Amino acid sequence: ILANDDNNSIRPPERNRKERLRLNFPPHGSSDQSPNLRLACQVQVYGDVQVTKKAGFWGQYKDLAESNDAKLYFGDLEYVLDDKSPRCENNNNKAVRN
């Protein structure tokens, strides 16, 4: 994700060791990589943010990906290993913030 976070809504605010390491290997690590690129699995969001994804499975292309609604394909099982995020309502299998 590209995180332009002016409201301190993303924690931790800086990349951690795992992120720094992973973002140095393909398909990441190019010289034109945004300094705001974060790994979604390594951050928590506490507030309203705008998430931007580039095209390609890993977001490795320069064009923006098509916008889609987030879906919870596995319902509450999406969060079975996530003990930090707040619970979300499941509305027609779409992710909805509380």
PDB file of N, CA and C in Angstrom:
ATOM      1  N   ILE A   1       0.848  -1.179   0.000  1.00  0.00           N
ATOM      2  CA  ILE A   1       0.000   0.000   0.000  1.00  0.00           C
ATOM      3  C   ILE A   1       0.889   1.236   0.000  1.00  0.00           C
ATOM      4  N   LEU A   2       0.373   2.294  -0.594  1.00  0.00           N
ATOM      5  CA  LEU A   2       1.042   3.583  -0.514  1.00  0.00           C
ATOM      6  C   LEU A   2       0.362   4.362   0.581  1.00  0.00           C
ATOM      7  N   ALA A   3       1.081   4.705   1.592  1.00  0.00           N
ATOM      8  CA  ALA A   3       0.499   5.327   2.769  1.00  0.00           C
ATOM      9  C   ALA A   3       0.968   6.767   2.909  1.00  0.00           C
ATOM     10  N   ASN A   4       0.123   7.689   2.499  1.00  0.00           N
ATOM     11  CA  ASN A   4       0.366   9.100   2.748  1.00  0.00           C
ATOM     12  C   ASN A   4      -0.419   9.442   3.995  1.00  0.00           C
ATOM     13  N   ASP A   5       0.206   9.375   5.128  1.00  0.00           N
ATOM     14  CA  ASP A   5      -0.487   9.454   6.404  1.00  0.00           C
ATOM     15  C   ASP A   5      -0.126  10.732   7.139  1.00  0.00           C
ATOM     16  N   ASP A   6      -0.923  11.763   6.927  1.00  0.00           N
ATOM     17  CA  ASP A   6      -0.690  13.034   7.610  1.00  0.00           C
ATOM     18  C   ASP A   6      -1.337  13.074   8.990  1.00  0.00           C
ATOM     19  N   ASN A   7      -2.224  12.124   9.270  1.00  0.00           N
ATOM     20  CA  ASN A   7      -2.981  12.139  10.524  1.00  0.00           C
ATOM     21  C   ASN A   7      -2.487  11.120  11.537  1.00  0.00           C
ATOM     22  N   ASN A   8      -1.323  10.523  11.312  1.00  0.00           N
ATOM     23  CA  ASN A   8      -0.785   9.493  12.202  1.00  0.00           C
ATOM     24  C   ASN A   8      -1.772   8.355  12.415  1.00  0.00           C
ATOM     25  N   SER A   9      -2.436   7.947  11.335  1.00  0.00           N
ATOM     26  CA  SER A   9      -3.428   6.878  11.407  1.00  0.00           C
ATOM     27  C   SER A   9      -2.828   5.504  11.176  1.00  0.00           C
ATOM     28  N   ILE A  10      -1.584   5.442  10.738  1.00  0.00           N
ATOM     29  CA  ILE A  10      -0.936   4.162  10.454  1.00  0.00           C
ATOM     30  C   ILE A  10       0.191   3.958  11.449  1.00  0.00           C
ATOM     31  N   ARG A  11       0.173   2.790  12.100  1.00  0.00           N
ATOM     32  CA  ARG A  11       1.203   2.481  13.089  1.00  0.00           C
ATOM     33  C   ARG A  11       1.808   1.122  12.796  1.00  0.00           C
ATOM     34  N   PRO A  12       3.090   0.968  12.944  1.00  0.00           N
ATOM     35  CA  PRO A  12       4.076   1.970  13.317  1.00  0.00           C
ATOM     36  C   PRO A  12       4.274   2.968  12.182  1.00  0.00           C
ATOM     37  N   PRO A  13       4.663   4.201  12.498  1.00  0.00           N
ATOM     38  CA  PRO A  13       4.788   5.235  11.471  1.00  0.00           C
ATOM     39  C   PRO A  13       5.948   5.006  10.505  1.00  0.00           C
ATOM     40  N   GLU A  14       6.946   4.262  10.914  1.00  0.00           N
ATOM     41  CA  GLU A  14       8.108   3.979  10.059  1.00  0.00           C
ATOM     42  C   GLU A  14       8.132   2.498   9.693  1.00  0.00           C
ATOM     43  N   ARG A  15       8.784   2.171   8.592  1.00  0.00           N
ATOM     44  CA  ARG A  15       8.939   0.769   8.207  1.00  0.00           C
ATOM     45  C   ARG A  15       9.714   0.033   9.289  1.00  0.00           C
ATOM     46  N   ASN A  16       9.282  -1.203   9.569  1.00  0.00           N
ATOM     47  CA  ASN A  16      10.039  -2.017  10.516  1.00  0.00           C
ATOM     48  C   ASN A  16      11.081  -2.838   9.764  1.00  0.00           C
ATOM     49  N   ARG A  17      11.834  -3.624  10.472  1.00  0.00           N
ATOM     50  CA  ARG A  17      12.923  -4.405   9.878  1.00  0.00           C
ATOM     51  C   ARG A  17      12.410  -5.346   8.786  1.00  0.00           C
ATOM     52  N   LYS A  18      11.268  -6.017   9.034  1.00  0.00           N
ATOM     53  CA  LYS A  18      10.702  -6.926   8.033  1.00  0.00           C
ATOM     54  C   LYS A  18      10.344  -6.194   6.748  1.00  0.00           C
ATOM     55  N   GLU A  19       9.744  -5.017   6.896  1.00  0.00           N
ATOM     56  CA  GLU A  19       9.379  -4.239   5.715  1.00  0.00           C
ATOM     57  C   GLU A  19      10.614  -3.790   4.942  1.00  0.00           C
ATOM     58  N   ARG A  20      11.584  -3.253   5.641  1.00  0.00           N
ATOM     59  CA  ARG A  20      12.797  -2.780   4.970  1.00  0.00           C
ATOM     60  C   ARG A  20      13.457  -3.912   4.191  1.00  0.00           C
ATOM     61  N   LEU A  21      13.525  -5.092   4.796  1.00  0.00           N
ATOM     62  CA  LEU A  21      14.128  -6.237   4.138  1.00  0.00           C
ATOM     63  C   LEU A  21      13.313  -6.656   2.916  1.00  0.00           C
ATOM     64  N   ARG A  22      12.011  -6.866   3.102  1.00  0.00           N
ATOM     65  CA  ARG A  22      11.157  -7.351   2.006  1.00  0.00           C
ATOM     66  C   ARG A  22      11.087  -6.364   0.847  1.00  0.00           C
ATOM     67  N   LEU A  23      11.065  -5.073   1.149  1.00  0.00           N
ATOM     68  CA  LEU A  23      10.915  -4.072   0.092  1.00  0.00           C
ATOM     69  C   LEU A  23      12.215  -3.814  -0.672  1.00  0.00           C
ATOM     70  N   ASN A  24      13.263  -4.544  -0.346  1.00  0.00           N
ATOM     71  CA  ASN A  24      14.505  -4.467  -1.106  1.00  0.00           C
ATOM     72  C   ASN A  24      14.639  -5.577  -2.142  1.00  0.00           C
ATOM     73  N   PHE A  25      13.673  -6.495  -2.182  1.00  0.00           N
ATOM     74  CA  PHE A  25      13.727  -7.617  -3.107  1.00  0.00           C
ATOM     75  C   PHE A  25      12.625  -7.501  -4.148  1.00  0.00           C
ATOM     76  N   PRO A  26      12.866  -8.063  -5.362  1.00  0.00           N
ATOM     77  CA  PRO A  26      11.861  -8.006  -6.425  1.00  0.00           C
ATOM     78  C   PRO A  26      10.543  -8.614  -5.970  1.00  0.00           C
ATOM     79  N   PRO A  27       9.440  -8.097  -6.441  1.00  0.00           N
ATOM     80  CA  PRO A  27       9.343  -7.063  -7.468  1.00  0.00           C
ATOM     81  C   PRO A  27       9.511  -5.647  -6.923  1.00  0.00           C
ATOM     82  N   HIS A  28       9.837  -5.492  -5.671  1.00  0.00           N
ATOM     83  CA  HIS A  28      10.070  -4.175  -5.089  1.00  0.00           C
ATOM     84  C   HIS A  28      11.553  -3.844  -5.182  1.00  0.00           C
ATOM     85  N   GLY A  29      11.957  -2.733  -4.590  1.00  0.00           N
ATOM     86  CA  GLY A  29      13.366  -2.401  -4.532  1.00  0.00           C
ATOM     87  C   GLY A  29      13.883  -1.569  -5.681  1.00  0.00           C
ATOM     88  N   SER A  30      13.000  -1.123  -6.574  1.00  0.00           N
ATOM     89  CA  SER A  30      13.475  -0.295  -7.681  1.00  0.00           C
ATOM     90  C   SER A  30      13.815   1.108  -7.178  1.00  0.00           C
ATOM     91  N   SER A  31      14.586   1.826  -7.955  1.00  0.00           N
ATOM     92  CA  SER A  31      15.018   3.166  -7.539  1.00  0.00           C
ATOM     93  C   SER A  31      13.868   4.163  -7.509  1.00  0.00           C
ATOM     94  N   ASP A  32      12.778   3.883  -8.236  1.00  0.00           N
ATOM     95  CA  ASP A  32      11.645   4.808  -8.245  1.00  0.00           C
ATOM     96  C   ASP A  32      10.543   4.406  -7.250  1.00  0.00           C
ATOM     97  N   GLN A  33      10.853   3.486  -6.349  1.00  0.00           N
ATOM     98  CA  GLN A  33       9.879   3.046  -5.340  1.00  0.00           C
ATOM     99  C   GLN A  33       9.544   4.196  -4.382  1.00  0.00           C
ATOM    100  N   SER A  34       8.278   4.361  -4.109  1.00  0.00           N
ATOM    101  CA  SER A  34       7.837   5.431  -3.212  1.00  0.00           C
ATOM    102  C   SER A  34       8.328   5.179  -1.790  1.00  0.00           C
ATOM    103  N   PRO A  35       8.779   6.213  -1.103  1.00  0.00           N
ATOM    104  CA  PRO A  35       9.170   6.049   0.303  1.00  0.00           C
ATOM    105  C   PRO A  35       7.959   5.803   1.207  1.00  0.00           C
ATOM    106  N   ASN A  36       6.753   6.005   0.658  1.00  0.00           N
ATOM    107  CA  ASN A  36       5.525   5.785   1.424  1.00  0.00           C
ATOM    108  C   ASN A  36       4.977   4.373   1.264  1.00  0.00           C
ATOM    109  N   LEU A  37       5.666   3.524   0.503  1.00  0.00           N
ATOM    110  CA  LEU A  37       5.193   2.160   0.301  1.00  0.00           C
ATOM    111  C   LEU A  37       5.332   1.377   1.597  1.00  0.00           C
ATOM    112  N   ARG A  38       4.250   0.742   2.011  1.00  0.00           N
ATOM    113  CA  ARG A  38       4.243  -0.065   3.237  1.00  0.00           C
ATOM    114  C   ARG A  38       3.647  -1.429   2.924  1.00  0.00           C
ATOM    115  N   LEU A  39       4.024  -2.431   3.697  1.00  0.00           N
ATOM    116  CA  LEU A  39       3.420  -3.754   3.584  1.00  0.00           C
ATOM    117  C   LEU A  39       2.179  -3.784   4.466  1.00  0.00           C
ATOM    118  N   ALA A  40       1.042  -4.081   3.870  1.00  0.00           N
ATOM    119  CA  ALA A  40      -0.215  -4.064   4.609  1.00  0.00           C
ATOM    120  C   ALA A  40      -0.193  -5.021   5.796  1.00  0.00           C
ATOM    121  N   CYS A  41       0.553  -6.104   5.687  1.00  0.00           N
ATOM    122  CA  CYS A  41       0.610  -7.086   6.771  1.00  0.00           C
ATOM    123  C   CYS A  41       1.437  -6.600   7.957  1.00  0.00           C
ATOM    124  N   GLN A  42       2.120  -5.478   7.819  1.00  0.00           N
ATOM    125  CA  GLN A  42       2.991  -4.991   8.888  1.00  0.00           C
ATOM    126  C   GLN A  42       2.490  -3.709   9.548  1.00  0.00           C
ATOM    127  N   VAL A  43       1.335  -3.220   9.127  1.00  0.00           N
ATOM    128  CA  VAL A  43       0.819  -1.973   9.697  1.00  0.00           C
ATOM    129  C   VAL A  43      -0.601  -2.171  10.221  1.00  0.00           C
ATOM    130  N   GLN A  44      -1.004  -1.274  11.093  1.00  0.00           N
ATOM    131  CA  GLN A  44      -2.377  -1.211  11.576  1.00  0.00           C
ATOM    132  C   GLN A  44      -2.886   0.189  11.286  1.00  0.00           C
ATOM    133  N   VAL A  45      -4.149   0.281  10.897  1.00  0.00           N
ATOM    134  CA  VAL A  45      -4.751   1.558  10.542  1.00  0.00           C
ATOM    135  C   VAL A  45      -5.711   1.961  11.652  1.00  0.00           C
ATOM    136  N   TYR A  46      -5.528   3.172  12.153  1.00  0.00           N
ATOM    137  CA  TYR A  46      -6.371   3.725  13.214  1.00  0.00           C
ATOM    138  C   TYR A  46      -6.968   5.031  12.727  1.00  0.00           C
ATOM    139  N   GLY A  47      -7.897   4.965  11.837  1.00  0.00           N
ATOM    140  CA  GLY A  47      -8.521   6.175  11.316  1.00  0.00           C
ATOM    141  C   GLY A  47      -8.772   6.041   9.830  1.00  0.00           C
ATOM    142  N   ASP A  48      -9.132   7.139   9.214  1.00  0.00           N
ATOM    143  CA  ASP A  48      -9.439   7.144   7.794  1.00  0.00           C
ATOM    144  C   ASP A  48      -8.166   7.366   6.991  1.00  0.00           C
ATOM    145  N   VAL A  49      -7.923   6.489   6.042  1.00  0.00           N
ATOM    146  CA  VAL A  49      -6.773   6.618   5.157  1.00  0.00           C
ATOM    147  C   VAL A  49      -7.226   6.322   3.737  1.00  0.00           C
ATOM    148  N   GLN A  50      -6.458   6.787   2.788  1.00  0.00           N
ATOM    149  CA  GLN A  50      -6.706   6.453   1.391  1.00  0.00           C
ATOM    150  C   GLN A  50      -5.626   5.470   0.978  1.00  0.00           C
ATOM    151  N   VAL A  51      -6.039   4.290   0.540  1.00  0.00           N
ATOM    152  CA  VAL A  51      -5.104   3.249   0.127  1.00  0.00           C
ATOM    153  C   VAL A  51      -5.034   3.245  -1.386  1.00  0.00           C
ATOM    154  N   THR A  52      -3.830   3.267  -1.912  1.00  0.00           N
ATOM    155  CA  THR A  52      -3.608   3.240  -3.353  1.00  0.00           C
ATOM    156  C   THR A  52      -2.811   1.992  -3.691  1.00  0.00           C
ATOM    157  N   LYS A  53      -3.285   1.244  -4.690  1.00  0.00           N
ATOM    158  CA  LYS A  53      -2.561   0.055  -5.132  1.00  0.00           C
ATOM    159  C   LYS A  53      -2.229   0.224  -6.600  1.00  0.00           C
ATOM    160  N   LYS A  54      -1.012  -0.107  -6.932  1.00  0.00           N
ATOM    161  CA  LYS A  54      -0.593  -0.094  -8.330  1.00  0.00           C
ATOM    162  C   LYS A  54      -1.022  -1.405  -8.989  1.00  0.00           C
ATOM    163  N   ALA A  55      -1.058  -1.434 -10.304  1.00  0.00           N
ATOM    164  CA  ALA A  55      -1.458  -2.618 -11.055  1.00  0.00           C
ATOM    165  C   ALA A  55      -0.452  -3.747 -10.844  1.00  0.00           C
ATOM    166  N   GLY A  56      -0.912  -4.967 -11.052  1.00  0.00           N
ATOM    167  CA  GLY A  56      -0.074  -6.146 -10.874  1.00  0.00           C
ATOM    168  C   GLY A  56      -0.335  -6.777  -9.513  1.00  0.00           C
ATOM    169  N   PHE A  57      -0.121  -8.061  -9.427  1.00  0.00           N
ATOM    170  CA  PHE A  57      -0.373  -8.777  -8.170  1.00  0.00           C
ATOM    171  C   PHE A  57       0.344  -8.128  -6.997  1.00  0.00           C
ATOM    172  N   TRP A  58       1.601  -7.776  -7.204  1.00  0.00           N
ATOM    173  CA  TRP A  58       2.410  -7.167  -6.149  1.00  0.00           C
ATOM    174  C   TRP A  58       2.365  -5.643  -6.186  1.00  0.00           C
ATOM    175  N   GLY A  59       1.598  -5.068  -7.136  1.00  0.00           N
ATOM    176  CA  GLY A  59       1.602  -3.622  -7.290  1.00  0.00           C
ATOM    177  C   GLY A  59       2.885  -3.133  -7.938  1.00  0.00           C
ATOM    178  N   GLN A  60       3.456  -3.983  -8.788  1.00  0.00           N
ATOM    179  CA  GLN A  60       4.770  -3.695  -9.335  1.00  0.00           C
ATOM    180  C   GLN A  60       4.740  -2.810 -10.582  1.00  0.00           C
ATOM    181  N   TYR A  61       3.559  -2.540 -11.146  1.00  0.00           N
ATOM    182  CA  TYR A  61       3.499  -1.713 -12.350  1.00  0.00           C
ATOM    183  C   TYR A  61       3.212  -0.259 -11.997  1.00  0.00           C
ATOM    184  N   LYS A  62       3.500   0.638 -12.921  1.00  0.00           N
ATOM    185  CA  LYS A  62       3.380   2.069 -12.653  1.00  0.00           C
ATOM    186  C   LYS A  62       1.932   2.566 -12.623  1.00  0.00           C
ATOM    187  N   ASP A  63       1.033   1.935 -13.395  1.00  0.00           N
ATOM    188  CA  ASP A  63      -0.359   2.372 -13.439  1.00  0.00           C
ATOM    189  C   ASP A  63      -1.102   1.958 -12.178  1.00  0.00           C
ATOM    190  N   LEU A  64      -2.131   2.739 -11.841  1.00  0.00           N
ATOM    191  CA  LEU A  64      -2.962   2.385 -10.687  1.00  0.00           C
ATOM    192  C   LEU A  64      -3.855   1.210 -11.026  1.00  0.00           C
ATOM    193  N   ALA A  65      -4.110   0.354 -10.058  1.00  0.00           N
ATOM    194  CA  ALA A  65      -5.020  -0.770 -10.238  1.00  0.00           C
ATOM    195  C   ALA A  65      -6.447  -0.251 -10.313  1.00  0.00           C
ATOM    196  N   GLU A  66      -7.333  -1.054 -10.912  1.00  0.00           N
ATOM    197  CA  GLU A  66      -8.745  -0.694 -10.935  1.00  0.00           C
ATOM    198  C   GLU A  66      -9.268  -0.694  -9.508  1.00  0.00           C
ATOM    199  N   SER A  67     -10.203   0.205  -9.215  1.00  0.00           N
ATOM    200  CA  SER A  67     -10.745   0.229  -7.854  1.00  0.00           C
ATOM    201  C   SER A  67     -11.809  -0.852  -7.716  1.00  0.00           C
ATOM    202  N   ASN A  68     -11.768  -1.553  -6.634  1.00  0.00           N
ATOM    203  CA  ASN A  68     -12.707  -2.626  -6.327  1.00  0.00           C
ATOM    204  C   ASN A  68     -13.100  -2.518  -4.868  1.00  0.00           C
ATOM    205  N   ASP A  69     -14.279  -3.019  -4.547  1.00  0.00           N
ATOM    206  CA  ASP A  69     -14.669  -3.097  -3.144  1.00  0.00           C
ATOM    207  C   ASP A  69     -13.932  -4.261  -2.499  1.00  0.00           C
ATOM    208  N   ALA A  70     -13.472  -4.049  -1.280  1.00  0.00           N
ATOM    209  CA  ALA A  70     -12.840  -5.140  -0.541  1.00  0.00           C
ATOM    210  C   ALA A  70     -13.905  -6.182  -0.208  1.00  0.00           C
ATOM    211  N   LYS A  71     -13.559  -7.433  -0.318  1.00  0.00           N
ATOM    212  CA  LYS A  71     -14.511  -8.499  -0.025  1.00  0.00           C
ATOM    213  C   LYS A  71     -13.929  -9.442   1.011  1.00  0.00           C
ATOM    214  N   LEU A  72     -14.790  -9.921   1.868  1.00  0.00           N
ATOM    215  CA  LEU A  72     -14.405 -10.921   2.859  1.00  0.00           C
ATOM    216  C   LEU A  72     -14.853 -12.285   2.334  1.00  0.00           C
ATOM    217  N   TYR A  73     -14.024 -12.903   1.521  1.00  0.00           N
ATOM    218  CA  TYR A  73     -14.389 -14.159   0.896  1.00  0.00           C
ATOM    219  C   TYR A  73     -14.604 -15.268   1.917  1.00  0.00           C
ATOM    220  N   PHE A  74     -13.934 -15.175   3.056  1.00  0.00           N
ATOM    221  CA  PHE A  74     -14.037 -16.224   4.057  1.00  0.00           C
ATOM    222  C   PHE A  74     -14.775 -15.757   5.305  1.00  0.00           C
ATOM    223  N   GLY A  75     -15.502 -14.654   5.223  1.00  0.00           N
ATOM    224  CA  GLY A  75     -16.259 -14.150   6.363  1.00  0.00           C
ATOM    225  C   GLY A  75     -15.353 -13.879   7.551  1.00  0.00           C
ATOM    226  N   ASP A  76     -15.781 -14.271   8.743  1.00  0.00           N
ATOM    227  CA  ASP A  76     -14.998 -14.030   9.949  1.00  0.00           C
ATOM    228  C   ASP A  76     -13.664 -14.776   9.960  1.00  0.00           C
ATOM    229  N   LEU A  77     -13.538 -15.808   9.124  1.00  0.00           N
ATOM    230  CA  LEU A  77     -12.263 -16.536   9.056  1.00  0.00           C
ATOM    231  C   LEU A  77     -11.139 -15.645   8.532  1.00  0.00           C
ATOM    232  N   GLU A  78     -11.475 -14.530   7.850  1.00  0.00           N
ATOM    233  CA  GLU A  78     -10.458 -13.586   7.386  1.00  0.00           C
ATOM    234  C   GLU A  78      -9.616 -13.090   8.559  1.00  0.00           C
ATOM    235  N   TYR A  79     -10.205 -13.054   9.747  1.00  0.00           N
ATOM    236  CA  TYR A  79      -9.550 -12.459  10.912  1.00  0.00           C
ATOM    237  C   TYR A  79      -9.104 -13.485  11.949  1.00  0.00           C
ATOM    238  N   VAL A  80      -9.129 -14.767  11.622  1.00  0.00           N
ATOM    239  CA  VAL A  80      -8.839 -15.797  12.611  1.00  0.00           C
ATOM    240  C   VAL A  80      -7.428 -15.660  13.197  1.00  0.00           C
ATOM    241  N   LEU A  81      -6.470 -15.191  12.431  1.00  0.00           N
ATOM    242  CA  LEU A  81      -5.103 -15.030  12.927  1.00  0.00           C
ATOM    243  C   LEU A  81      -4.785 -13.584  13.303  1.00  0.00           C
ATOM    244  N   ASP A  82      -5.740 -12.698  13.143  1.00  0.00           N
ATOM    245  CA  ASP A  82      -5.536 -11.269  13.408  1.00  0.00           C
ATOM    246  C   ASP A  82      -6.095 -10.926  14.774  1.00  0.00           C
ATOM    247  N   ASP A  83      -5.212 -10.755  15.742  1.00  0.00           N
ATOM    248  CA  ASP A  83      -5.674 -10.457  17.097  1.00  0.00           C
ATOM    249  C   ASP A  83      -5.533  -8.974  17.448  1.00  0.00           C
ATOM    250  N   LYS A  84      -5.202  -8.135  16.454  1.00  0.00           N
ATOM    251  CA  LYS A  84      -4.983  -6.723  16.734  1.00  0.00           C
ATOM    252  C   LYS A  84      -6.027  -5.809  16.105  1.00  0.00           C
ATOM    253  N   SER A  85      -6.553  -6.164  14.955  1.00  0.00           N
ATOM    254  CA  SER A  85      -7.483  -5.283  14.254  1.00  0.00           C
ATOM    255  C   SER A  85      -8.867  -5.320  14.897  1.00  0.00           C
ATOM    256  N   PRO A  86      -9.568  -4.174  14.855  1.00  0.00           N
ATOM    257  CA  PRO A  86     -10.948  -4.180  15.366  1.00  0.00           C
ATOM    258  C   PRO A  86     -11.831  -5.025  14.466  1.00  0.00           C
ATOM    259  N   ARG A  87     -12.873  -5.574  15.026  1.00  0.00           N
ATOM    260  CA  ARG A  87     -13.803  -6.401  14.261  1.00  0.00           C
ATOM    261  C   ARG A  87     -14.556  -5.544  13.267  1.00  0.00           C
ATOM    262  N   CYS A  88     -14.886  -6.103  12.106  1.00  0.00           N
ATOM    263  CA  CYS A  88     -15.652  -5.402  11.075  1.00  0.00           C
ATOM    264  C   CYS A  88     -17.002  -6.068  10.913  1.00  0.00           C
ATOM    265  N   GLU A  89     -17.959  -5.285  10.498  1.00  0.00           N
ATOM    266  CA  GLU A  89     -19.264  -5.823  10.157  1.00  0.00           C
ATOM    267  C   GLU A  89     -19.161  -6.489   8.792  1.00  0.00           C
ATOM    268  N   ASN A  90     -19.900  -7.550   8.591  1.00  0.00           N
ATOM    269  CA  ASN A  90     -19.910  -8.227   7.306  1.00  0.00           C
ATOM    270  C   ASN A  90     -21.241  -7.936   6.632  1.00  0.00           C
ATOM    271  N   ASN A  91     -21.206  -7.114   5.597  1.00  0.00           N
ATOM    272  CA  ASN A  91     -22.399  -6.686   4.892  1.00  0.00           C
ATOM    273  C   ASN A  91     -22.346  -7.227   3.470  1.00  0.00           C
ATOM    274  N   ASN A  92     -23.082  -8.294   3.196  1.00  0.00           N
ATOM    275  CA  ASN A  92     -23.064  -8.922   1.875  1.00  0.00           C
ATOM    276  C   ASN A  92     -21.663  -9.300   1.449  1.00  0.00           C
ATOM    277  N   ASN A  93     -20.894  -9.810   2.395  1.00  0.00           N
ATOM    278  CA  ASN A  93     -19.535 -10.279   2.124  1.00  0.00           C
ATOM    279  C   ASN A  93     -18.572  -9.161   1.740  1.00  0.00           C
ATOM    280  N   LYS A  94     -18.859  -7.905   2.125  1.00  0.00           N
ATOM    281  CA  LYS A  94     -17.961  -6.793   1.859  1.00  0.00           C
ATOM    282  C   LYS A  94     -17.384  -6.298   3.171  1.00  0.00           C
ATOM    283  N   ALA A  95     -16.142  -5.849   3.135  1.00  0.00           N
ATOM    284  CA  ALA A  95     -15.501  -5.309   4.328  1.00  0.00           C
ATOM    285  C   ALA A  95     -16.074  -3.931   4.620  1.00  0.00           C
ATOM    286  N   VAL A  96     -16.522  -3.734   5.836  1.00  0.00           N
ATOM    287  CA  VAL A  96     -17.111  -2.469   6.246  1.00  0.00           C
ATOM    288  C   VAL A  96     -16.499  -2.066   7.576  1.00  0.00           C
ATOM    289  N   ARG A  97     -16.103  -0.806   7.701  1.00  0.00           N
ATOM    290  CA  ARG A  97     -15.554  -0.314   8.955  1.00  0.00           C
ATOM    291  C   ARG A  97     -16.645  -0.132   9.971  1.00  0.00           C
ATOM    292  N   ASN A  98     -16.327  -0.337  11.237  1.00  0.00           N
ATOM    293  CA  ASN A  98     -17.269  -0.047  12.322  1.00  0.00           C
ATOM    294  C   ASN A  98     -17.493   1.435  12.449  1.00  0.00           C
TER     295      ASN A  98
END
